[in-house]
Amino acid sequence: KVSSLTFTPSEVAQAFSHFSYWATGQKCLICDLQGVFEKEKNMLRLSDPVIHYRNKATKYGKTYRGYKGIATFFDTHEC
C-alpha cells in the first residue's frame, strides 16, 4: 500500500530554500519566498525571492545580505 505525504506550503518553501543552497554547491540561497496555494490544483506558486550569494560583494536589492543572510536562514531553519 502506498500512502501519501502531506506538507504545508511553508514547509515546501523552506525545503526549496534548503535545496537551493545544496543544489548550487553552497554558493547561494533562495529564500524569503512568498506564495499562493491553489488547493483546487494542489499547486503552490512561489514569488518574491531573495537570493543571497556566499562570495559576492555586489548587492542584489534592499534585502540582500550575502553570507550573513545564508547564516541567518540556517540559524532558524529546522530540517
PDB file of N, CA and C in Angstrom:
ATOM      1  N   LYS A   1       0.848  -1.186   0.000  1.00  0.00           N
ATOM      2  CA  LYS A   1       0.000   0.000   0.000  1.00  0.00           C
ATOM      3  C   LYS A   1       0.888   1.241   0.000  1.00  0.00           C
ATOM      4  N   VAL A   2       0.526   2.209  -0.815  1.00  0.00           N
ATOM      5  CA  VAL A   2       1.260   3.468  -0.900  1.00  0.00           C
ATOM      6  C   VAL A   2       0.470   4.536  -0.165  1.00  0.00           C
ATOM      7  N   SER A   3       1.127   5.211   0.730  1.00  0.00           N
ATOM      8  CA  SER A   3       0.456   6.312   1.423  1.00  0.00           C
ATOM      9  C   SER A   3       1.039   7.625   0.920  1.00  0.00           C
ATOM     10  N   SER A   4       0.283   8.662   1.061  1.00  0.00           N
ATOM     11  CA  SER A   4       0.744   9.964   0.586  1.00  0.00           C
ATOM     12  C   SER A   4       1.327  10.777   1.735  1.00  0.00           C
ATOM     13  N   LEU A   5       2.218  11.663   1.378  1.00  0.00           N
ATOM     14  CA  LEU A   5       2.797  12.594   2.344  1.00  0.00           C
ATOM     15  C   LEU A   5       2.111  13.934   2.187  1.00  0.00           C
ATOM     16  N   THR A   6       1.962  14.637   3.267  1.00  0.00           N
ATOM     17  CA  THR A   6       1.334  15.953   3.222  1.00  0.00           C
ATOM     18  C   THR A   6       2.295  16.982   3.804  1.00  0.00           C
ATOM     19  N   PHE A   7       2.487  18.069   3.069  1.00  0.00           N
ATOM     20  CA  PHE A   7       3.355  19.152   3.514  1.00  0.00           C
ATOM     21  C   PHE A   7       2.589  20.465   3.449  1.00  0.00           C
ATOM     22  N   THR A   8       2.883  21.359   4.359  1.00  0.00           N
ATOM     23  CA  THR A   8       2.273  22.688   4.314  1.00  0.00           C
ATOM     24  C   THR A   8       3.021  23.537   3.292  1.00  0.00           C
ATOM     25  N   PRO A   9       2.386  24.582   2.761  1.00  0.00           N
ATOM     26  CA  PRO A   9       3.092  25.478   1.851  1.00  0.00           C
ATOM     27  C   PRO A   9       4.373  26.052   2.473  1.00  0.00           C
ATOM     28  N   SER A  10       4.346  26.349   3.764  1.00  0.00           N
ATOM     29  CA  SER A  10       5.533  26.871   4.440  1.00  0.00           C
ATOM     30  C   SER A  10       6.664  25.845   4.441  1.00  0.00           C
ATOM     31  N   GLU A  11       6.325  24.580   4.675  1.00  0.00           N
ATOM     32  CA  GLU A  11       7.345  23.523   4.669  1.00  0.00           C
ATOM     33  C   GLU A  11       7.952  23.351   3.280  1.00  0.00           C
ATOM     34  N   VAL A  12       7.135  23.477   2.245  1.00  0.00           N
ATOM     35  CA  VAL A  12       7.629  23.369   0.870  1.00  0.00           C
ATOM     36  C   VAL A  12       8.594  24.514   0.572  1.00  0.00           C
ATOM     37  N   ALA A  13       8.242  25.729   0.962  1.00  0.00           N
ATOM     38  CA  ALA A  13       9.112  26.885   0.731  1.00  0.00           C
ATOM     39  C   ALA A  13      10.438  26.728   1.477  1.00  0.00           C
ATOM     40  N   GLN A  14      10.388  26.260   2.708  1.00  0.00           N
ATOM     41  CA  GLN A  14      11.608  26.032   3.495  1.00  0.00           C
ATOM     42  C   GLN A  14      12.477  24.954   2.852  1.00  0.00           C
ATOM     43  N   ALA A  15      11.859  23.882   2.400  1.00  0.00           N
ATOM     44  CA  ALA A  15      12.608  22.801   1.750  1.00  0.00           C
ATOM     45  C   ALA A  15      13.247  23.290   0.459  1.00  0.00           C
ATOM     46  N   PHE A  16      12.519  24.114  -0.310  1.00  0.00           N
ATOM     47  CA  PHE A  16      13.085  24.656  -1.546  1.00  0.00           C
ATOM     48  C   PHE A  16      14.292  25.534  -1.241  1.00  0.00           C
ATOM     49  N   SER A  17      14.190  26.375  -0.222  1.00  0.00           N
ATOM     50  CA  SER A  17      15.323  27.228   0.145  1.00  0.00           C
ATOM     51  C   SER A  17      16.533  26.380   0.510  1.00  0.00           C
ATOM     52  N   HIS A  18      16.316  25.372   1.334  1.00  0.00           N
ATOM     53  CA  HIS A  18      17.404  24.475   1.739  1.00  0.00           C
ATOM     54  C   HIS A  18      18.000  23.786   0.508  1.00  0.00           C
ATOM     55  N   PHE A  19      17.134  23.281  -0.368  1.00  0.00           N
ATOM     56  CA  PHE A  19      17.583  22.624  -1.599  1.00  0.00           C
ATOM     57  C   PHE A  19      18.412  23.570  -2.463  1.00  0.00           C
ATOM     58  N   SER A  20      17.987  24.822  -2.574  1.00  0.00           N
ATOM     59  CA  SER A  20      18.712  25.774  -3.432  1.00  0.00           C
ATOM     60  C   SER A  20      20.161  25.941  -2.983  1.00  0.00           C
ATOM     61  N   TYR A  21      20.380  25.899  -1.694  1.00  0.00           N
ATOM     62  CA  TYR A  21      21.741  26.042  -1.151  1.00  0.00           C
ATOM     63  C   TYR A  21      22.605  24.847  -1.539  1.00  0.00           C
ATOM     64  N   TRP A  22      22.083  23.647  -1.379  1.00  0.00           N
ATOM     65  CA  TRP A  22      22.865  22.441  -1.694  1.00  0.00           C
ATOM     66  C   TRP A  22      22.989  22.227  -3.190  1.00  0.00           C
ATOM     67  N   ALA A  23      21.966  22.569  -3.970  1.00  0.00           N
ATOM     68  CA  ALA A  23      21.996  22.381  -5.418  1.00  0.00           C
ATOM     69  C   ALA A  23      22.989  23.326  -6.106  1.00  0.00           C
ATOM     70  N   THR A  24      23.319  24.431  -5.458  1.00  0.00           N
ATOM     71  CA  THR A  24      24.282  25.386  -6.032  1.00  0.00           C
ATOM     72  C   THR A  24      25.675  25.192  -5.448  1.00  0.00           C
ATOM     73  N   GLY A  25      25.897  24.075  -4.791  1.00  0.00           N
ATOM     74  CA  GLY A  25      27.210  23.834  -4.197  1.00  0.00           C
ATOM     75  C   GLY A  25      27.503  24.772  -3.046  1.00  0.00           C
ATOM     76  N   GLN A  26      26.470  25.150  -2.304  1.00  0.00           N
ATOM     77  CA  GLN A  26      26.561  26.053  -1.159  1.00  0.00           C
ATOM     78  C   GLN A  26      27.034  27.455  -1.560  1.00  0.00           C
ATOM     79  N   LYS A  27      26.711  27.860  -2.779  1.00  0.00           N
ATOM     80  CA  LYS A  27      27.113  29.183  -3.273  1.00  0.00           C
ATOM     81  C   LYS A  27      26.030  30.236  -3.103  1.00  0.00           C
ATOM     82  N   CYS A  28      24.757  29.814  -3.119  1.00  0.00           N
ATOM     83  CA  CYS A  28      23.685  30.799  -2.941  1.00  0.00           C
ATOM     84  C   CYS A  28      22.472  30.138  -2.297  1.00  0.00           C
ATOM     85  N   LEU A  29      21.600  30.980  -1.798  1.00  0.00           N
ATOM     86  CA  LEU A  29      20.384  30.531  -1.127  1.00  0.00           C
ATOM     87  C   LEU A  29      19.224  31.379  -1.621  1.00  0.00           C
ATOM     88  N   ILE A  30      18.158  30.730  -2.051  1.00  0.00           N
ATOM     89  CA  ILE A  30      16.946  31.427  -2.463  1.00  0.00           C
ATOM     90  C   ILE A  30      15.967  31.307  -1.295  1.00  0.00           C
ATOM     91  N   CYS A  31      15.578  32.431  -0.732  1.00  0.00           N
ATOM     92  CA  CYS A  31      14.730  32.378   0.459  1.00  0.00           C
ATOM     93  C   CYS A  31      13.745  33.539   0.489  1.00  0.00           C
ATOM     94  N   ASP A  32      13.075  33.701   1.604  1.00  0.00           N
ATOM     95  CA  ASP A  32      12.068  34.742   1.828  1.00  0.00           C
ATOM     96  C   ASP A  32      10.971  34.680   0.774  1.00  0.00           C
ATOM     97  N   LEU A  33      10.589  33.451   0.443  1.00  0.00           N
ATOM     98  CA  LEU A  33       9.597  33.239  -0.607  1.00  0.00           C
ATOM     99  C   LEU A  33       8.196  33.553  -0.121  1.00  0.00           C
ATOM    100  N   GLN A  34       7.433  34.191  -0.967  1.00  0.00           N
ATOM    101  CA  GLN A  34       6.017  34.441  -0.738  1.00  0.00           C
ATOM    102  C   GLN A  34       5.277  33.511  -1.692  1.00  0.00           C
ATOM    103  N   GLY A  35       4.046  33.222  -1.420  1.00  0.00           N
ATOM    104  CA  GLY A  35       3.347  32.343  -2.334  1.00  0.00           C
ATOM    105  C   GLY A  35       1.860  32.273  -2.107  1.00  0.00           C
ATOM    106  N   VAL A  36       1.228  31.636  -3.070  1.00  0.00           N
ATOM    107  CA  VAL A  36      -0.213  31.399  -3.021  1.00  0.00           C
ATOM    108  C   VAL A  36      -0.434  29.920  -3.302  1.00  0.00           C
ATOM    109  N   PHE A  37      -1.185  29.262  -2.434  1.00  0.00           N
ATOM    110  CA  PHE A  37      -1.513  27.856  -2.626  1.00  0.00           C
ATOM    111  C   PHE A  37      -2.900  27.753  -3.232  1.00  0.00           C
ATOM    112  N   GLU A  38      -2.976  27.096  -4.398  1.00  0.00           N
ATOM    113  CA  GLU A  38      -4.251  26.864  -5.061  1.00  0.00           C
ATOM    114  C   GLU A  38      -4.690  25.442  -4.741  1.00  0.00           C
ATOM    115  N   LYS A  39      -5.570  25.311  -3.763  1.00  0.00           N
ATOM    116  CA  LYS A  39      -5.994  23.998  -3.270  1.00  0.00           C
ATOM    117  C   LYS A  39      -6.636  23.152  -4.369  1.00  0.00           C
ATOM    118  N   GLU A  40      -7.450  23.779  -5.221  1.00  0.00           N
ATOM    119  CA  GLU A  40      -8.139  23.039  -6.280  1.00  0.00           C
ATOM    120  C   GLU A  40      -7.146  22.357  -7.221  1.00  0.00           C
ATOM    121  N   LYS A  41      -6.019  22.988  -7.477  1.00  0.00           N
ATOM    122  CA  LYS A  41      -4.999  22.449  -8.385  1.00  0.00           C
ATOM    123  C   LYS A  41      -3.849  21.787  -7.631  1.00  0.00           C
ATOM    124  N   ASN A  42      -3.879  21.878  -6.296  1.00  0.00           N
ATOM    125  CA  ASN A  42      -2.777  21.375  -5.463  1.00  0.00           C
ATOM    126  C   ASN A  42      -1.451  21.974  -5.941  1.00  0.00           C
ATOM    127  N   MET A  43      -1.459  23.296  -6.152  1.00  0.00           N
ATOM    128  CA  MET A  43      -0.309  23.988  -6.704  1.00  0.00           C
ATOM    129  C   MET A  43       0.110  25.156  -5.808  1.00  0.00           C
ATOM    130  N   LEU A  44       1.392  25.256  -5.568  1.00  0.00           N
ATOM    131  CA  LEU A  44       1.948  26.366  -4.803  1.00  0.00           C
ATOM    132  C   LEU A  44       2.749  27.249  -5.746  1.00  0.00           C
ATOM    133  N   ARG A  45       2.342  28.492  -5.884  1.00  0.00           N
ATOM    134  CA  ARG A  45       3.054  29.449  -6.737  1.00  0.00           C
ATOM    135  C   ARG A  45       3.914  30.325  -5.838  1.00  0.00           C
ATOM    136  N   LEU A  46       5.223  30.220  -6.011  1.00  0.00           N
ATOM    137  CA  LEU A  46       6.164  30.990  -5.192  1.00  0.00           C
ATOM    138  C   LEU A  46       6.626  32.223  -5.950  1.00  0.00           C
ATOM    139  N   SER A  47       6.825  33.311  -5.220  1.00  0.00           N
ATOM    140  CA  SER A  47       7.278  34.554  -5.846  1.00  0.00           C
ATOM    141  C   SER A  47       8.091  35.369  -4.843  1.00  0.00           C
ATOM    142  N   ASP A  48       8.596  36.491  -5.309  1.00  0.00           N
ATOM    143  CA  ASP A  48       9.285  37.472  -4.476  1.00  0.00           C
ATOM    144  C   ASP A  48      10.499  36.899  -3.734  1.00  0.00           C
ATOM    145  N   PRO A  49      11.389  36.181  -4.451  1.00  0.00           N
ATOM    146  CA  PRO A  49      12.529  35.581  -3.755  1.00  0.00           C
ATOM    147  C   PRO A  49      13.618  36.593  -3.404  1.00  0.00           C
ATOM    148  N   VAL A  50      14.392  36.243  -2.409  1.00  0.00           N
ATOM    149  CA  VAL A  50      15.649  36.929  -2.104  1.00  0.00           C
ATOM    150  C   VAL A  50      16.731  35.901  -2.385  1.00  0.00           C
ATOM    151  N   ILE A  51      17.775  36.311  -3.102  1.00  0.00           N
ATOM    152  CA  ILE A  51      18.871  35.403  -3.404  1.00  0.00           C
ATOM    153  C   ILE A  51      20.128  35.936  -2.732  1.00  0.00           C
ATOM    154  N   HIS A  52      20.643  35.161  -1.782  1.00  0.00           N
ATOM    155  CA  HIS A  52      21.879  35.529  -1.089  1.00  0.00           C
ATOM    156  C   HIS A  52      23.026  34.721  -1.679  1.00  0.00           C
ATOM    157  N   TYR A  53      24.089  35.409  -2.113  1.00  0.00           N
ATOM    158  CA  TYR A  53      25.285  34.748  -2.632  1.00  0.00           C
ATOM    159  C   TYR A  53      26.357  34.750  -1.559  1.00  0.00           C
ATOM    160  N   ARG A  54      27.055  33.638  -1.431  1.00  0.00           N
ATOM    161  CA  ARG A  54      28.072  33.493  -0.399  1.00  0.00           C
ATOM    162  C   ARG A  54      29.279  34.402  -0.632  1.00  0.00           C
ATOM    163  N   ASN A  55      29.753  34.512  -1.865  1.00  0.00           N
ATOM    164  CA  ASN A  55      31.007  35.219  -2.124  1.00  0.00           C
ATOM    165  C   ASN A  55      30.866  36.449  -3.012  1.00  0.00           C
ATOM    166  N   LYS A  56      29.714  37.010  -3.108  1.00  0.00           N
ATOM    167  CA  LYS A  56      29.525  38.184  -3.970  1.00  0.00           C
ATOM    168  C   LYS A  56      29.484  39.452  -3.138  1.00  0.00           C
ATOM    169  N   ALA A  57      30.224  40.432  -3.569  1.00  0.00           N
ATOM    170  CA  ALA A  57      30.224  41.720  -2.876  1.00  0.00           C
ATOM    171  C   ALA A  57      29.108  42.622  -3.400  1.00  0.00           C
ATOM    172  N   THR A  58      28.619  42.324  -4.609  1.00  0.00           N
ATOM    173  CA  THR A  58      27.565  43.128  -5.210  1.00  0.00           C
ATOM    174  C   THR A  58      26.256  42.937  -4.461  1.00  0.00           C
ATOM    175  N   LYS A  59      25.553  44.016  -4.235  1.00  0.00           N
ATOM    176  CA  LYS A  59      24.256  43.949  -3.561  1.00  0.00           C
ATOM    177  C   LYS A  59      23.161  43.682  -4.577  1.00  0.00           C
ATOM    178  N   TYR A  60      22.244  42.797  -4.239  1.00  0.00           N
ATOM    179  CA  TYR A  60      21.136  42.447  -5.116  1.00  0.00           C
ATOM    180  C   TYR A  60      19.824  42.859  -4.473  1.00  0.00           C
ATOM    181  N   GLY A  61      19.573  44.128  -4.371  1.00  0.00           N
ATOM    182  CA  GLY A  61      18.324  44.616  -3.791  1.00  0.00           C
ATOM    183  C   GLY A  61      18.448  44.952  -2.313  1.00  0.00           C
ATOM    184  N   LYS A  62      17.386  45.535  -1.784  1.00  0.00           N
ATOM    185  CA  LYS A  62      17.375  46.022  -0.403  1.00  0.00           C
ATOM    186  C   LYS A  62      17.508  44.920   0.639  1.00  0.00           C
ATOM    187  N   THR A  63      17.026  43.737   0.327  1.00  0.00           N
ATOM    188  CA  THR A  63      17.028  42.654   1.320  1.00  0.00           C
ATOM    189  C   THR A  63      18.232  41.731   1.203  1.00  0.00           C
ATOM    190  N   TYR A  64      19.124  42.001   0.269  1.00  0.00           N
ATOM    191  CA  TYR A  64      20.312  41.163   0.073  1.00  0.00           C
ATOM    192  C   TYR A  64      21.273  41.305   1.252  1.00  0.00           C
ATOM    193  N   ARG A  65      21.704  40.157   1.818  1.00  0.00           N
ATOM    194  CA  ARG A  65      22.621  40.190   2.963  1.00  0.00           C
ATOM    195  C   ARG A  65      23.808  39.254   2.796  1.00  0.00           C
ATOM    196  N   GLY A  66      23.982  38.684   1.597  1.00  0.00           N
ATOM    197  CA  GLY A  66      25.139  37.835   1.342  1.00  0.00           C
ATOM    198  C   GLY A  66      25.219  36.646   2.288  1.00  0.00           C
ATOM    199  N   TYR A  67      26.448  36.331   2.713  1.00  0.00           N
ATOM    200  CA  TYR A  67      26.641  35.174   3.587  1.00  0.00           C
ATOM    201  C   TYR A  67      25.889  35.329   4.911  1.00  0.00           C
ATOM    202  N   LYS A  68      25.762  36.558   5.377  1.00  0.00           N
ATOM    203  CA  LYS A  68      25.026  36.807   6.629  1.00  0.00           C
ATOM    204  C   LYS A  68      23.563  36.354   6.490  1.00  0.00           C
ATOM    205  N   GLY A  69      22.970  36.570   5.334  1.00  0.00           N
ATOM    206  CA  GLY A  69      21.599  36.120   5.080  1.00  0.00           C
ATOM    207  C   GLY A  69      21.496  34.603   5.066  1.00  0.00           C
ATOM    208  N   ILE A  70      22.502  33.941   4.492  1.00  0.00           N
ATOM    209  CA  ILE A  70      22.524  32.475   4.478  1.00  0.00           C
ATOM    210  C   ILE A  70      22.627  31.951   5.907  1.00  0.00           C
ATOM    211  N   ALA A  71      23.533  32.530   6.675  1.00  0.00           N
ATOM    212  CA  ALA A  71      23.727  32.094   8.064  1.00  0.00           C
ATOM    213  C   ALA A  71      22.460  32.308   8.885  1.00  0.00           C
ATOM    214  N   THR A  72      21.791  33.424   8.684  1.00  0.00           N
ATOM    215  CA  THR A  72      20.559  33.709   9.420  1.00  0.00           C
ATOM    216  C   THR A  72      19.475  32.687   9.079  1.00  0.00           C
ATOM    217  N   PHE A  73      19.367  32.336   7.795  1.00  0.00           N
ATOM    218  CA  PHE A  73      18.392  31.331   7.402  1.00  0.00           C
ATOM    219  C   PHE A  73      18.635  30.024   8.145  1.00  0.00           C
ATOM    220  N   PHE A  74      19.877  29.554   8.128  1.00  0.00           N
ATOM    221  CA  PHE A  74      20.165  28.267   8.751  1.00  0.00           C
ATOM    222  C   PHE A  74      20.151  28.318  10.277  1.00  0.00           C
ATOM    223  N   ASP A  75      20.264  29.496  10.852  1.00  0.00           N
ATOM    224  CA  ASP A  75      20.111  29.633  12.316  1.00  0.00           C
ATOM    225  C   ASP A  75      18.681  29.322  12.748  1.00  0.00           C
ATOM    226  N   THR A  76      17.727  29.600  11.863  1.00  0.00           N
ATOM    227  CA  THR A  76      16.314  29.415  12.217  1.00  0.00           C
ATOM    228  C   THR A  76      15.649  28.246  11.505  1.00  0.00           C
ATOM    229  N   HIS A  77      16.323  27.654  10.539  1.00  0.00           N
ATOM    230  CA  HIS A  77      15.759  26.554   9.736  1.00  0.00           C
ATOM    231  C   HIS A  77      15.867  25.222  10.467  1.00  0.00           C
ATOM    232  N   GLU A  78      14.789  24.449  10.448  1.00  0.00           N
ATOM    233  CA  GLU A  78      14.801  23.094  11.006  1.00  0.00           C
ATOM    234  C   GLU A  78      14.545  22.104   9.893  1.00  0.00           C
ATOM    235  N   CYS A  79      15.416  21.116   9.776  1.00  0.00           N
ATOM    236  CA  CYS A  79      15.249  20.072   8.750  1.00  0.00           C
ATOM    237  C   CYS A  79      14.248  19.046   9.207  1.00  0.00           C
TER     238      CYS A  79
END
